[in-house]
mmCIF file of all heavy atoms, coordinates in Angstrom:
data_MODEL
# 
_entry.id   MODEL 
# 
loop_
_atom_site.group_PDB 
_atom_site.id 
_atom_site.type_symbol 
_atom_site.label_atom_id 
_atom_site.label_alt_id 
_atom_site.label_comp_id 
_atom_site.label_asym_id 
_atom_site.label_entity_id 
_atom_site.label_seq_id 
_atom_site.pdbx_PDB_ins_code 
_atom_site.Cartn_x 
_atom_site.Cartn_y 
_atom_site.Cartn_z 
_atom_site.occupancy 
_atom_site.B_iso_or_equiv 
_atom_site.pdbx_formal_charge 
_atom_site.auth_seq_id 
_atom_site.auth_comp_id 
_atom_site.auth_asym_id 
_atom_site.auth_atom_id 
_atom_site.pdbx_PDB_model_num 
ATOM 1   N N   . ARG A 1 1  ? 26.939 -49.112 -33.899 1.00 0.00 ? 1  ARG A N   1 
ATOM 2   C CA  . ARG A 1 1  ? 27.018 -49.102 -35.364 1.00 0.00 ? 1  ARG A CA  1 
ATOM 3   C C   . ARG A 1 1  ? 27.301 -50.487 -35.939 1.00 0.00 ? 1  ARG A C   1 
ATOM 4   O O   . ARG A 1 1  ? 27.214 -50.682 -37.133 1.00 0.00 ? 1  ARG A O   1 
ATOM 5   C CB  . ARG A 1 1  ? 28.075 -48.112 -35.831 1.00 0.00 ? 1  ARG A CB  1 
ATOM 6   C CG  . ARG A 1 1  ? 29.520 -48.569 -35.668 1.00 0.00 ? 1  ARG A CG  1 
ATOM 7   C CD  . ARG A 1 1  ? 30.504 -47.502 -36.055 1.00 0.00 ? 1  ARG A CD  1 
ATOM 8   N NE  . ARG A 1 1  ? 30.499 -46.408 -35.109 1.00 0.00 ? 1  ARG A NE  1 
ATOM 9   C CZ  . ARG A 1 1  ? 31.443 -45.465 -35.057 1.00 0.00 ? 1  ARG A CZ  1 
ATOM 10  N NH1 . ARG A 1 1  ? 32.428 -45.478 -35.930 1.00 0.00 ? 1  ARG A NH1 1 
ATOM 11  N NH2 . ARG A 1 1  ? 31.413 -44.505 -34.161 1.00 0.00 ? 1  ARG A NH2 1 
ATOM 12  N N   . PHE A 1 2  ? 27.641 -51.450 -35.079 1.00 0.00 ? 2  PHE A N   1 
ATOM 13  C CA  . PHE A 1 2  ? 27.889 -52.812 -35.546 1.00 0.00 ? 2  PHE A CA  1 
ATOM 14  C C   . PHE A 1 2  ? 26.662 -53.706 -35.424 1.00 0.00 ? 2  PHE A C   1 
ATOM 15  O O   . PHE A 1 2  ? 26.731 -54.891 -35.723 1.00 0.00 ? 2  PHE A O   1 
ATOM 16  C CB  . PHE A 1 2  ? 29.052 -53.439 -34.768 1.00 0.00 ? 2  PHE A CB  1 
ATOM 17  C CG  . PHE A 1 2  ? 30.330 -52.651 -34.857 1.00 0.00 ? 2  PHE A CG  1 
ATOM 18  C CD1 . PHE A 1 2  ? 31.096 -52.429 -33.728 1.00 0.00 ? 2  PHE A CD1 1 
ATOM 19  C CD2 . PHE A 1 2  ? 30.737 -52.101 -36.064 1.00 0.00 ? 2  PHE A CD2 1 
ATOM 20  C CE1 . PHE A 1 2  ? 32.271 -51.697 -33.804 1.00 0.00 ? 2  PHE A CE1 1 
ATOM 21  C CE2 . PHE A 1 2  ? 31.902 -51.370 -36.155 1.00 0.00 ? 2  PHE A CE2 1 
ATOM 22  C CZ  . PHE A 1 2  ? 32.680 -51.165 -35.020 1.00 0.00 ? 2  PHE A CZ  1 
ATOM 23  N N   . GLU A 1 3  ? 25.543 -53.153 -34.970 1.00 0.00 ? 3  GLU A N   1 
ATOM 24  C CA  . GLU A 1 3  ? 24.311 -53.938 -34.949 1.00 0.00 ? 3  GLU A CA  1 
ATOM 25  C C   . GLU A 1 3  ? 23.855 -54.180 -36.382 1.00 0.00 ? 3  GLU A C   1 
ATOM 26  O O   . GLU A 1 3  ? 24.095 -53.366 -37.285 1.00 0.00 ? 3  GLU A O   1 
ATOM 27  C CB  . GLU A 1 3  ? 23.234 -53.199 -34.160 1.00 0.00 ? 3  GLU A CB  1 
ATOM 28  C CG  . GLU A 1 3  ? 23.559 -53.068 -32.670 1.00 0.00 ? 3  GLU A CG  1 
ATOM 29  C CD  . GLU A 1 3  ? 22.508 -52.297 -31.912 1.00 0.00 ? 3  GLU A CD  1 
ATOM 30  O OE1 . GLU A 1 3  ? 21.509 -51.887 -32.543 1.00 0.00 ? 3  GLU A OE1 1 
ATOM 31  O OE2 . GLU A 1 3  ? 22.673 -52.086 -30.696 1.00 0.00 ? 3  GLU A OE2 1 
ATOM 32  N N   . GLN A 1 4  ? 23.186 -55.288 -36.598 1.00 0.00 ? 4  GLN A N   1 
ATOM 33  C CA  . GLN A 1 4  ? 22.854 -55.725 -37.954 1.00 0.00 ? 4  GLN A CA  1 
ATOM 34  C C   . GLN A 1 4  ? 22.062 -54.689 -38.729 1.00 0.00 ? 4  GLN A C   1 
ATOM 35  O O   . GLN A 1 4  ? 22.266 -54.499 -39.925 1.00 0.00 ? 4  GLN A O   1 
ATOM 36  C CB  . GLN A 1 4  ? 22.077 -57.046 -37.897 1.00 0.00 ? 4  GLN A CB  1 
ATOM 37  C CG  . GLN A 1 4  ? 21.757 -57.624 -39.277 1.00 0.00 ? 4  GLN A CG  1 
ATOM 38  C CD  . GLN A 1 4  ? 21.172 -59.018 -39.185 1.00 0.00 ? 4  GLN A CD  1 
ATOM 39  O OE1 . GLN A 1 4  ? 21.545 -59.798 -38.328 1.00 0.00 ? 4  GLN A OE1 1 
ATOM 40  N NE2 . GLN A 1 4  ? 20.234 -59.325 -40.070 1.00 0.00 ? 4  GLN A NE2 1 
ATOM 41  N N   . GLU A 1 5  ? 21.179 -53.954 -38.051 1.00 0.00 ? 5  GLU A N   1 
ATOM 42  C CA  . GLU A 1 5  ? 20.330 -52.996 -38.766 1.00 0.00 ? 5  GLU A CA  1 
ATOM 43  C C   . GLU A 1 5  ? 21.133 -51.813 -39.314 1.00 0.00 ? 5  GLU A C   1 
ATOM 44  O O   . GLU A 1 5  ? 20.697 -51.133 -40.242 1.00 0.00 ? 5  GLU A O   1 
ATOM 45  C CB  . GLU A 1 5  ? 19.222 -52.488 -37.848 1.00 0.00 ? 5  GLU A CB  1 
ATOM 46  C CG  . GLU A 1 5  ? 19.720 -51.775 -36.607 1.00 0.00 ? 5  GLU A CG  1 
ATOM 47  C CD  . GLU A 1 5  ? 18.577 -51.358 -35.696 1.00 0.00 ? 5  GLU A CD  1 
ATOM 48  O OE1 . GLU A 1 5  ? 17.734 -50.568 -36.147 1.00 0.00 ? 5  GLU A OE1 1 
ATOM 49  O OE2 . GLU A 1 5  ? 18.528 -51.839 -34.546 1.00 0.00 ? 5  GLU A OE2 1 
ATOM 50  N N   . TYR A 1 6  ? 22.326 -51.551 -38.726 1.00 0.00 ? 6  TYR A N   1 
ATOM 51  C CA  . TYR A 1 6  ? 23.149 -50.442 -39.188 1.00 0.00 ? 6  TYR A CA  1 
ATOM 52  C C   . TYR A 1 6  ? 24.320 -50.905 -40.039 1.00 0.00 ? 6  TYR A C   1 
ATOM 53  O O   . TYR A 1 6  ? 24.899 -50.124 -40.783 1.00 0.00 ? 6  TYR A O   1 
ATOM 54  C CB  . TYR A 1 6  ? 23.694 -49.651 -38.002 1.00 0.00 ? 6  TYR A CB  1 
ATOM 55  C CG  . TYR A 1 6  ? 22.623 -49.112 -37.089 1.00 0.00 ? 6  TYR A CG  1 
ATOM 56  C CD1 . TYR A 1 6  ? 22.407 -49.656 -35.825 1.00 0.00 ? 6  TYR A CD1 1 
ATOM 57  C CD2 . TYR A 1 6  ? 21.812 -48.049 -37.497 1.00 0.00 ? 6  TYR A CD2 1 
ATOM 58  C CE1 . TYR A 1 6  ? 21.408 -49.167 -34.991 1.00 0.00 ? 6  TYR A CE1 1 
ATOM 59  C CE2 . TYR A 1 6  ? 20.822 -47.553 -36.673 1.00 0.00 ? 6  TYR A CE2 1 
ATOM 60  C CZ  . TYR A 1 6  ? 20.625 -48.117 -35.415 1.00 0.00 ? 6  TYR A CZ  1 
ATOM 61  O OH  . TYR A 1 6  ? 19.653 -47.636 -34.593 1.00 0.00 ? 6  TYR A OH  1 
ATOM 62  N N   . PHE A 1 7  ? 24.685 -52.170 -39.900 1.00 0.00 ? 7  PHE A N   1 
ATOM 63  C CA  . PHE A 1 7  ? 25.885 -52.664 -40.550 1.00 0.00 ? 7  PHE A CA  1 
ATOM 64  C C   . PHE A 1 7  ? 25.636 -52.804 -42.052 1.00 0.00 ? 7  PHE A C   1 
ATOM 65  O O   . PHE A 1 7  ? 24.675 -53.440 -42.454 1.00 0.00 ? 7  PHE A O   1 
ATOM 66  C CB  . PHE A 1 7  ? 26.276 -54.020 -39.954 1.00 0.00 ? 7  PHE A CB  1 
ATOM 67  C CG  . PHE A 1 7  ? 27.726 -54.350 -40.123 1.00 0.00 ? 7  PHE A CG  1 
ATOM 68  C CD1 . PHE A 1 7  ? 28.678 -53.772 -39.304 1.00 0.00 ? 7  PHE A CD1 1 
ATOM 69  C CD2 . PHE A 1 7  ? 28.133 -55.230 -41.104 1.00 0.00 ? 7  PHE A CD2 1 
ATOM 70  C CE1 . PHE A 1 7  ? 30.012 -54.079 -39.459 1.00 0.00 ? 7  PHE A CE1 1 
ATOM 71  C CE2 . PHE A 1 7  ? 29.464 -55.535 -41.276 1.00 0.00 ? 7  PHE A CE2 1 
ATOM 72  C CZ  . PHE A 1 7  ? 30.412 -54.959 -40.438 1.00 0.00 ? 7  PHE A CZ  1 
ATOM 73  N N   . PRO A 1 8  ? 26.506 -52.244 -42.883 1.00 0.00 ? 8  PRO A N   1 
ATOM 74  C CA  . PRO A 1 8  ? 26.212 -52.215 -44.329 1.00 0.00 ? 8  PRO A CA  1 
ATOM 75  C C   . PRO A 1 8  ? 26.220 -53.575 -45.004 1.00 0.00 ? 8  PRO A C   1 
ATOM 76  O O   . PRO A 1 8  ? 25.590 -53.756 -46.042 1.00 0.00 ? 8  PRO A O   1 
ATOM 77  C CB  . PRO A 1 8  ? 27.335 -51.329 -44.895 1.00 0.00 ? 8  PRO A CB  1 
ATOM 78  C CG  . PRO A 1 8  ? 28.420 -51.398 -43.878 1.00 0.00 ? 8  PRO A CG  1 
ATOM 79  C CD  . PRO A 1 8  ? 27.724 -51.524 -42.552 1.00 0.00 ? 8  PRO A CD  1 
ATOM 80  N N   . ALA A 1 9  ? 26.928 -54.550 -44.423 1.00 0.00 ? 9  ALA A N   1 
ATOM 81  C CA  . ALA A 1 9  ? 27.019 -55.845 -45.101 1.00 0.00 ? 9  ALA A CA  1 
ATOM 82  C C   . ALA A 1 9  ? 25.793 -56.702 -44.885 1.00 0.00 ? 9  ALA A C   1 
ATOM 83  O O   . ALA A 1 9  ? 25.527 -57.620 -45.652 1.00 0.00 ? 9  ALA A O   1 
ATOM 84  C CB  . ALA A 1 9  ? 28.252 -56.601 -44.610 1.00 0.00 ? 9  ALA A CB  1 
ATOM 85  N N   . GLY A 1 10 ? 25.047 -56.417 -43.821 1.00 0.00 ? 10 GLY A N   1 
ATOM 86  C CA  . GLY A 1 10 ? 23.887 -57.248 -43.515 1.00 0.00 ? 10 GLY A CA  1 
ATOM 87  C C   . GLY A 1 10 ? 24.316 -58.622 -43.044 1.00 0.00 ? 10 GLY A C   1 
ATOM 88  O O   . GLY A 1 10 ? 25.417 -58.810 -42.545 1.00 0.00 ? 10 GLY A O   1 
ATOM 89  N N   . PRO A 1 11 ? 23.477 -59.623 -43.227 1.00 0.00 ? 11 PRO A N   1 
ATOM 90  C CA  . PRO A 1 11 ? 23.797 -60.970 -42.742 1.00 0.00 ? 11 PRO A CA  1 
ATOM 91  C C   . PRO A 1 11 ? 24.847 -61.640 -43.626 1.00 0.00 ? 11 PRO A C   1 
ATOM 92  O O   . PRO A 1 11 ? 25.178 -61.179 -44.708 1.00 0.00 ? 11 PRO A O   1 
ATOM 93  C CB  . PRO A 1 11 ? 22.455 -61.699 -42.854 1.00 0.00 ? 11 PRO A CB  1 
ATOM 94  C CG  . PRO A 1 11 ? 21.739 -60.979 -43.958 1.00 0.00 ? 11 PRO A CG  1 
ATOM 95  C CD  . PRO A 1 11 ? 22.161 -59.542 -43.843 1.00 0.00 ? 11 PRO A CD  1 
ATOM 96  N N   . GLY A 1 12 ? 25.375 -62.757 -43.146 1.00 0.00 ? 12 GLY A N   1 
ATOM 97  C CA  . GLY A 1 12 ? 26.303 -63.543 -43.935 1.00 0.00 ? 12 GLY A CA  1 
ATOM 98  C C   . GLY A 1 12 ? 27.765 -63.319 -43.619 1.00 0.00 ? 12 GLY A C   1 
ATOM 99  O O   . GLY A 1 12 ? 28.636 -63.860 -44.297 1.00 0.00 ? 12 GLY A O   1 
ATOM 100 N N   . LEU A 1 13 ? 28.091 -62.517 -42.602 1.00 0.00 ? 13 LEU A N   1 
ATOM 101 C CA  . LEU A 1 13 ? 29.480 -62.290 -42.230 1.00 0.00 ? 13 LEU A CA  1 
ATOM 102 C C   . LEU A 1 13 ? 30.032 -63.504 -41.484 1.00 0.00 ? 13 LEU A C   1 
ATOM 103 O O   . LEU A 1 13 ? 29.292 -64.268 -40.863 1.00 0.00 ? 13 LEU A O   1 
ATOM 104 C CB  . LEU A 1 13 ? 29.599 -61.051 -41.351 1.00 0.00 ? 13 LEU A CB  1 
ATOM 105 C CG  . LEU A 1 13 ? 29.283 -59.717 -42.020 1.00 0.00 ? 13 LEU A CG  1 
ATOM 106 C CD1 . LEU A 1 13 ? 29.288 -58.597 -40.992 1.00 0.00 ? 13 LEU A CD1 1 
ATOM 107 C CD2 . LEU A 1 13 ? 30.269 -59.418 -43.121 1.00 0.00 ? 13 LEU A CD2 1 
ATOM 108 N N   . CYS A 1 14 ? 31.369 -63.646 -41.515 1.00 0.00 ? 14 CYS A N   1 
ATOM 109 C CA  . CYS A 1 14 ? 32.011 -64.753 -40.820 1.00 0.00 ? 14 CYS A CA  1 
ATOM 110 C C   . CYS A 1 14 ? 33.280 -64.242 -40.156 1.00 0.00 ? 14 CYS A C   1 
ATOM 111 O O   . CYS A 1 14 ? 33.639 -63.072 -40.282 1.00 0.00 ? 14 CYS A O   1 
ATOM 112 C CB  . CYS A 1 14 ? 32.306 -65.896 -41.785 1.00 0.00 ? 14 CYS A CB  1 
ATOM 113 S SG  . CYS A 1 14 ? 33.525 -65.461 -43.059 1.00 0.00 ? 14 CYS A SG  1 
ATOM 114 N N   . ARG A 1 15 ? 33.991 -65.127 -39.441 1.00 0.00 ? 15 ARG A N   1 
ATOM 115 C CA  . ARG A 1 15 ? 35.181 -64.726 -38.698 1.00 0.00 ? 15 ARG A CA  1 
ATOM 116 C C   . ARG A 1 15 ? 36.301 -64.224 -39.605 1.00 0.00 ? 15 ARG A C   1 
ATOM 117 O O   . ARG A 1 15 ? 37.181 -63.502 -39.147 1.00 0.00 ? 15 ARG A O   1 
ATOM 118 C CB  . ARG A 1 15 ? 35.686 -65.908 -37.856 1.00 0.00 ? 15 ARG A CB  1 
ATOM 119 C CG  . ARG A 1 15 ? 34.795 -66.243 -36.680 1.00 0.00 ? 15 ARG A CG  1 
ATOM 120 C CD  . ARG A 1 15 ? 34.682 -65.067 -35.728 1.00 0.00 ? 15 ARG A CD  1 
ATOM 121 N NE  . ARG A 1 15 ? 33.750 -65.350 -34.630 1.00 0.00 ? 15 ARG A NE  1 
ATOM 122 C CZ  . ARG A 1 15 ? 33.210 -64.429 -33.868 1.00 0.00 ? 15 ARG A CZ  1 
ATOM 123 N NH1 . ARG A 1 15 ? 33.500 -63.155 -34.077 1.00 0.00 ? 15 ARG A NH1 1 
ATOM 124 N NH2 . ARG A 1 15 ? 32.379 -64.757 -32.896 1.00 0.00 ? 15 ARG A NH2 1 
ATOM 125 N N   . GLU A 1 16 ? 36.288 -64.615 -40.872 1.00 0.00 ? 16 GLU A N   1 
ATOM 126 C CA  . GLU A 1 16 ? 37.303 -64.151 -41.810 1.00 0.00 ? 16 GLU A CA  1 
ATOM 127 C C   . GLU A 1 16 ? 36.975 -62.774 -42.379 1.00 0.00 ? 16 GLU A C   1 
ATOM 128 O O   . GLU A 1 16 ? 37.725 -62.250 -43.200 1.00 0.00 ? 16 GLU A O   1 
ATOM 129 C CB  . GLU A 1 16 ? 37.489 -65.155 -42.948 1.00 0.00 ? 16 GLU A CB  1 
ATOM 130 C CG  . GLU A 1 16 ? 38.227 -66.423 -42.555 1.00 0.00 ? 16 GLU A CG  1 
ATOM 131 C CD  . GLU A 1 16 ? 37.433 -67.301 -41.615 1.00 0.00 ? 16 GLU A CD  1 
ATOM 132 O OE1 . GLU A 1 16 ? 36.208 -67.429 -41.814 1.00 0.00 ? 16 GLU A OE1 1 
ATOM 133 O OE2 . GLU A 1 16 ? 38.021 -67.847 -40.651 1.00 0.00 ? 16 GLU A OE2 1 
ATOM 134 N N   . ASP A 1 17 ? 35.839 -62.196 -41.944 1.00 0.00 ? 17 ASP A N   1 
ATOM 135 C CA  . ASP A 1 17 ? 35.520 -60.805 -42.266 1.00 0.00 ? 17 ASP A CA  1 
ATOM 136 C C   . ASP A 1 17 ? 35.977 -59.934 -41.103 1.00 0.00 ? 17 ASP A C   1 
ATOM 137 O O   . ASP A 1 17 ? 35.835 -60.314 -39.934 1.00 0.00 ? 17 ASP A O   1 
ATOM 138 C CB  . ASP A 1 17 ? 34.018 -60.628 -42.494 1.00 0.00 ? 17 ASP A CB  1 
ATOM 139 C CG  . ASP A 1 17 ? 33.514 -61.429 -43.691 1.00 0.00 ? 17 ASP A CG  1 
ATOM 140 O OD1 . ASP A 1 17 ? 34.207 -61.443 -44.721 1.00 0.00 ? 17 ASP A OD1 1 
ATOM 141 O OD2 . ASP A 1 17 ? 32.439 -62.052 -43.573 1.00 0.00 ? 17 ASP A OD2 1 
ATOM 142 N N   . TYR A 1 18 ? 36.529 -58.752 -41.426 1.00 0.00 ? 18 TYR A N   1 
ATOM 143 C CA  . TYR A 1 18 ? 37.137 -57.915 -40.397 1.00 0.00 ? 18 TYR A CA  1 
ATOM 144 C C   . TYR A 1 18 ? 36.526 -56.515 -40.384 1.00 0.00 ? 18 TYR A C   1 
ATOM 145 O O   . TYR A 1 18 ? 36.260 -55.937 -41.434 1.00 0.00 ? 18 TYR A O   1 
ATOM 146 C CB  . TYR A 1 18 ? 38.647 -57.794 -40.637 1.00 0.00 ? 18 TYR A CB  1 
ATOM 147 C CG  . TYR A 1 18 ? 39.356 -59.127 -40.619 1.00 0.00 ? 18 TYR A CG  1 
ATOM 148 C CD1 . TYR A 1 18 ? 39.640 -59.795 -41.808 1.00 0.00 ? 18 TYR A CD1 1 
ATOM 149 C CD2 . TYR A 1 18 ? 39.723 -59.727 -39.419 1.00 0.00 ? 18 TYR A CD2 1 
ATOM 150 C CE1 . TYR A 1 18 ? 40.274 -61.026 -41.806 1.00 0.00 ? 18 TYR A CE1 1 
ATOM 151 C CE2 . TYR A 1 18 ? 40.362 -60.961 -39.402 1.00 0.00 ? 18 TYR A CE2 1 
ATOM 152 C CZ  . TYR A 1 18 ? 40.635 -61.603 -40.599 1.00 0.00 ? 18 TYR A CZ  1 
ATOM 153 O OH  . TYR A 1 18 ? 41.260 -62.825 -40.587 1.00 0.00 ? 18 TYR A OH  1 
ATOM 154 N N   . VAL A 1 19 ? 36.327 -56.006 -39.172 1.00 0.00 ? 19 VAL A N   1 
ATOM 155 C CA  . VAL A 1 19 ? 35.954 -54.605 -38.987 1.00 0.00 ? 19 VAL A CA  1 
ATOM 156 C C   . VAL A 1 19 ? 37.086 -53.944 -38.208 1.00 0.00 ? 19 VAL A C   1 
ATOM 157 O O   . VAL A 1 19 ? 37.449 -54.402 -37.122 1.00 0.00 ? 19 VAL A O   1 
ATOM 158 C CB  . VAL A 1 19 ? 34.629 -54.457 -38.220 1.00 0.00 ? 19 VAL A CB  1 
ATOM 159 C CG1 . VAL A 1 19 ? 34.308 -52.978 -38.025 1.00 0.00 ? 19 VAL A CG1 1 
ATOM 160 C CG2 . VAL A 1 19 ? 33.502 -55.137 -38.972 1.00 0.00 ? 19 VAL A CG2 1 
ATOM 161 N N   . ILE A 1 20 ? 37.663 -52.887 -38.771 1.00 0.00 ? 20 ILE A N   1 
ATOM 162 C CA  . ILE A 1 20 ? 38.820 -52.216 -38.175 1.00 0.00 ? 20 ILE A CA  1 
ATOM 163 C C   . ILE A 1 20 ? 38.394 -50.842 -37.673 1.00 0.00 ? 20 ILE A C   1 
ATOM 164 O O   . ILE A 1 20 ? 37.751 -50.067 -38.396 1.00 0.00 ? 20 ILE A O   1 
ATOM 165 C CB  . ILE A 1 20 ? 39.957 -52.069 -39.197 1.00 0.00 ? 20 ILE A CB  1 
ATOM 166 C CG1 . ILE A 1 20 ? 40.348 -53.445 -39.767 1.00 0.00 ? 20 ILE A CG1 1 
ATOM 167 C CG2 . ILE A 1 20 ? 41.164 -51.390 -38.551 1.00 0.00 ? 20 ILE A CG2 1 
ATOM 168 C CD1 . ILE A 1 20 ? 41.380 -53.373 -40.882 1.00 0.00 ? 20 ILE A CD1 1 
ATOM 169 N N   . VAL A 1 21 ? 38.756 -50.519 -36.435 1.00 0.00 ? 21 VAL A N   1 
ATOM 170 C CA  . VAL A 1 21 ? 38.439 -49.228 -35.820 1.00 0.00 ? 21 VAL A CA  1 
ATOM 171 C C   . VAL A 1 21 ? 39.721 -48.403 -35.747 1.00 0.00 ? 21 VAL A C   1 
ATOM 172 O O   . VAL A 1 21 ? 40.739 -48.857 -35.207 1.00 0.00 ? 21 VAL A O   1 
ATOM 173 C CB  . VAL A 1 21 ? 37.836 -49.414 -34.415 1.00 0.00 ? 21 VAL A CB  1 
ATOM 174 C CG1 . VAL A 1 21 ? 37.522 -48.058 -33.787 1.00 0.00 ? 21 VAL A CG1 1 
ATOM 175 C CG2 . VAL A 1 21 ? 36.580 -50.275 -34.486 1.00 0.00 ? 21 VAL A CG2 1 
ATOM 176 N N   . CYS A 1 22 ? 39.674 -47.162 -36.244 1.00 0.00 ? 22 CYS A N   1 
ATOM 177 C CA  . CYS A 1 22 ? 40.857 -46.300 -36.336 1.00 0.00 ? 22 CYS A CA  1 
ATOM 178 C C   . CYS A 1 22 ? 41.120 -45.515 -35.057 1.00 0.00 ? 22 CYS A C   1 
ATOM 179 O O   . CYS A 1 22 ? 41.242 -44.284 -35.068 1.00 0.00 ? 22 CYS A O   1 
ATOM 180 C CB  . CYS A 1 22 ? 40.717 -45.347 -37.518 1.00 0.00 ? 22 CYS A CB  1 
ATOM 181 S SG  . CYS A 1 22 ? 40.804 -46.147 -39.123 1.00 0.00 ? 22 CYS A SG  1 
ATOM 182 N N   . GLY A 1 23 ? 41.184 -46.208 -33.938 1.00 0.00 ? 23 GLY A N   1 
ATOM 183 C CA  . GLY A 1 23 ? 41.568 -45.565 -32.683 1.00 0.00 ? 23 GLY A CA  1 
ATOM 184 C C   . GLY A 1 23 ? 40.400 -45.101 -31.846 1.00 0.00 ? 23 GLY A C   1 
ATOM 185 O O   . GLY A 1 23 ? 39.258 -45.036 -32.301 1.00 0.00 ? 23 GLY A O   1 
ATOM 186 N N   . ASP A 1 24 ? 40.704 -44.747 -30.570 1.00 0.00 ? 24 ASP A N   1 
ATOM 187 C CA  . ASP A 1 24 ? 39.669 -44.416 -29.582 1.00 0.00 ? 24 ASP A CA  1 
ATOM 188 C C   . ASP A 1 24 ? 38.578 -45.482 -29.590 1.00 0.00 ? 24 ASP A C   1 
ATOM 189 O O   . ASP A 1 24 ? 37.382 -45.186 -29.664 1.00 0.00 ? 24 ASP A O   1 
ATOM 190 C CB  . ASP A 1 24 ? 39.079 -43.026 -29.845 1.00 0.00 ? 24 ASP A CB  1 
ATOM 191 C CG  . ASP A 1 24 ? 39.994 -41.913 -29.345 1.00 0.00 ? 24 ASP A CG  1 
ATOM 192 O OD1 . ASP A 1 24 ? 41.063 -42.233 -28.787 1.00 0.00 ? 24 ASP A OD1 1 
ATOM 193 O OD2 . ASP A 1 24 ? 39.653 -40.734 -29.510 1.00 0.00 ? 24 ASP A OD2 1 
ATOM 194 N N   . PHE A 1 25 ? 39.027 -46.715 -29.500 1.00 0.00 ? 25 PHE A N   1 
ATOM 195 C CA  . PHE A 1 25 ? 38.128 -47.861 -29.536 1.00 0.00 ? 25 PHE A CA  1 
ATOM 196 C C   . PHE A 1 25 ? 37.221 -47.883 -28.308 1.00 0.00 ? 25 PHE A C   1 
ATOM 197 O O   . PHE A 1 25 ? 36.011 -48.095 -28.419 1.00 0.00 ? 25 PHE A O   1 
ATOM 198 C CB  . PHE A 1 25 ? 38.959 -49.146 -29.624 1.00 0.00 ? 25 PHE A CB  1 
ATOM 199 C CG  . PHE A 1 25 ? 38.163 -50.411 -29.533 1.00 0.00 ? 25 PHE A CG  1 
ATOM 200 C CD1 . PHE A 1 25 ? 37.320 -50.796 -30.563 1.00 0.00 ? 25 PHE A CD1 1 
ATOM 201 C CD2 . PHE A 1 25 ? 38.265 -51.238 -28.420 1.00 0.00 ? 25 PHE A CD2 1 
ATOM 202 C CE1 . PHE A 1 25 ? 36.589 -51.972 -30.487 1.00 0.00 ? 25 PHE A CE1 1 
ATOM 203 C CE2 . PHE A 1 25 ? 37.548 -52.421 -28.337 1.00 0.00 ? 25 PHE A CE2 1 
ATOM 204 C CZ  . PHE A 1 25 ? 36.702 -52.781 -29.373 1.00 0.00 ? 25 PHE A CZ  1 
ATOM 205 N N   . GLY A 1 26 ? 37.793 -47.669 -27.127 1.00 0.00 ? 26 GLY A N   1 
ATOM 206 C CA  . GLY A 1 26 ? 36.964 -47.630 -25.928 1.00 0.00 ? 26 GLY A CA  1 
ATOM 207 C C   . GLY A 1 26 ? 37.375 -48.592 -24.838 1.00 0.00 ? 26 GLY A C   1 
ATOM 208 O O   . GLY A 1 26 ? 36.540 -49.036 -24.050 1.00 0.00 ? 26 GLY A O   1 
ATOM 209 N N   . ILE A 1 27 ? 38.678 -48.929 -24.764 1.00 0.00 ? 27 ILE A N   1 
ATOM 210 C CA  . ILE A 1 27 ? 39.182 -49.680 -23.609 1.00 0.00 ? 27 ILE A CA  1 
ATOM 211 C C   . ILE A 1 27 ? 39.379 -48.661 -22.498 1.00 0.00 ? 27 ILE A C   1 
ATOM 212 O O   . ILE A 1 27 ? 40.366 -47.929 -22.455 1.00 0.00 ? 27 ILE A O   1 
ATOM 213 C CB  . ILE A 1 27 ? 40.504 -50.391 -23.945 1.00 0.00 ? 27 ILE A CB  1 
ATOM 214 C CG1 . ILE A 1 27 ? 40.303 -51.396 -25.079 1.00 0.00 ? 27 ILE A CG1 1 
ATOM 215 C CG2 . ILE A 1 27 ? 41.065 -51.093 -22.712 1.00 0.00 ? 27 ILE A CG2 1 
ATOM 216 C CD1 . ILE A 1 27 ? 39.368 -52.535 -24.742 1.00 0.00 ? 27 ILE A CD1 1 
ATOM 217 N N   . TRP A 1 28 ? 38.413 -48.588 -21.595 1.00 0.00 ? 28 TRP A N   1 
ATOM 218 C CA  . TRP A 1 28 ? 38.398 -47.479 -20.640 1.00 0.00 ? 28 TRP A CA  1 
ATOM 219 C C   . TRP A 1 28 ? 38.388 -47.952 -19.187 1.00 0.00 ? 28 TRP A C   1 
ATOM 220 O O   . TRP A 1 28 ? 39.090 -47.415 -18.346 1.00 0.00 ? 28 TRP A O   1 
ATOM 221 C CB  . TRP A 1 28 ? 37.201 -46.591 -20.922 1.00 0.00 ? 28 TRP A CB  1 
ATOM 222 C CG  . TRP A 1 28 ? 37.301 -45.214 -20.329 1.00 0.00 ? 28 TRP A CG  1 
ATOM 223 C CD1 . TRP A 1 28 ? 36.487 -44.667 -19.383 1.00 0.00 ? 28 TRP A CD1 1 
ATOM 224 C CD2 . TRP A 1 28 ? 38.271 -44.206 -20.645 1.00 0.00 ? 28 TRP A CD2 1 
ATOM 225 N NE1 . TRP A 1 28 ? 36.886 -43.376 -19.099 1.00 0.00 ? 28 TRP A NE1 1 
ATOM 226 C CE2 . TRP A 1 28 ? 37.983 -43.069 -19.852 1.00 0.00 ? 28 TRP A CE2 1 
ATOM 227 C CE3 . TRP A 1 28 ? 39.352 -44.157 -21.518 1.00 0.00 ? 28 TRP A CE3 1 
ATOM 228 C CZ2 . TRP A 1 28 ? 38.745 -41.895 -19.914 1.00 0.00 ? 28 TRP A CZ2 1 
ATOM 229 C CZ3 . TRP A 1 28 ? 40.113 -42.989 -21.575 1.00 0.00 ? 28 TRP A CZ3 1 
ATOM 230 C CH2 . TRP A 1 28 ? 39.803 -41.878 -20.785 1.00 0.00 ? 28 TRP A CH2 1 
ATOM 231 N N   . ASP A 1 29 ? 37.586 -48.964 -18.874 1.00 0.00 ? 29 ASP A N   1 
ATOM 232 C CA  . ASP A 1 29 ? 37.523 -49.454 -17.500 1.00 0.00 ? 29 ASP A CA  1 
ATOM 233 C C   . ASP A 1 29 ? 37.066 -50.907 -17.512 1.00 0.00 ? 29 ASP A C   1 
ATOM 234 O O   . ASP A 1 29 ? 36.915 -51.506 -18.578 1.00 0.00 ? 29 ASP A O   1 
ATOM 235 C CB  . ASP A 1 29 ? 36.589 -48.591 -16.636 1.00 0.00 ? 29 ASP A CB  1 
ATOM 236 C CG  . ASP A 1 29 ? 35.194 -48.452 -17.251 1.00 0.00 ? 29 ASP A CG  1 
ATOM 237 O OD1 . ASP A 1 29 ? 34.669 -49.465 -17.761 1.00 0.00 ? 29 ASP A OD1 1 
ATOM 238 O OD2 . ASP A 1 29 ? 34.636 -47.341 -17.219 1.00 0.00 ? 29 ASP A OD2 1 
# 
């Protein structure tokens, strides 16, 4: 869902832009 074609902001994001995941992120192995 973070690929550019699905991401709502489109191009132009930078390191000062944040995407926050509300748990079950996927640190598994």
